[in-house]
Amino acid sequence: MERNLLNERFITIEKLADGELSHKLPGLTVKFSFAETFLGEVLVASTPQGVCYMAFVVRGRDMAESEMMNRFPGVFFEIGTDEHQRRALAALSADEENMETVPLHLKGTDFQLRVWNELLKIPFGETATYGEIAAALQNPKAYRAVGTAIGDNPVAVLIPCHRVLRTDGTLGGYHWGLEHKVQLLEWEKRHKKAE
C-alpha cells in the first residue's frame, strides 16, 4: 500500500547558517521555481547542498518570492530547478519504496534546528502538541519557544509542522493558512487508514 512517510528516514537537515548570522549568506546562489502539486502551488528553493525553502503560494507569486528573499539577505536568486527540488516535489506523492532522501540546507538557530529535527519524528498521520515537542527536547517549559520555532519553519510539508496541535487538541496556527493544515492532516489520515 502506498504511503508517504515524510519523516526522519527520508529528510536530512544540514545547517546553512545561524538564523542571526545572515552576513554568512552573501555570494550564495539560491535557485527557485514554482510547481503545482495536489496540495496547491508551491515555491521551492535550493542551494547546491539541498532544499532551503518550500512554501505554499497563498497570496500570489510576488508575495511568495518576497517572503523567500527576505529570509536570505544578500544571496543571488536564480530561477531554475535542480535535483534537490525534484526530490522534494516527488516526496509529496512517493510511496515508501520509491522515496529518495531529500537533503535540506536550512538557515536557523541551533534551537530551531533541534525543533525542526524533532518534528521529523512525528509519525505520518499522527500529531503531537507543542508541549510534547518541548518535553522531547528535555525542556518542557519551552513550549512557547517551540511554537515560535515551528512558526519559523522554512520548509512546508517536508518538515511536518502541520502535525503539531495545541495541548487542547485544537489546530492552533499555520504559517500558510489553516486550510492547508487541515488539508494536510486529512490527506495523511486517509493514507494511514488505507494501509
Foldseek 3Di string as FASTA:
>chain_A
DFAQKLFPVAEAEDEQEAQPPLVVQAPWEKEWDWDQDPLGIKIWIDTVQFTAAIAHQQPDDVVRVVVVCVSRPNYHYDYDDDPLNVLLRVSVGGGPVPRHHRYYHYHHHPVLVLLLNLLRPATQLAAEELQVSCVVVVRNVCSVVSVVSLQVDRYPPSSDSLRYDHPVRHRPAHNNGPVSSVVRNVVRNVSVVVD
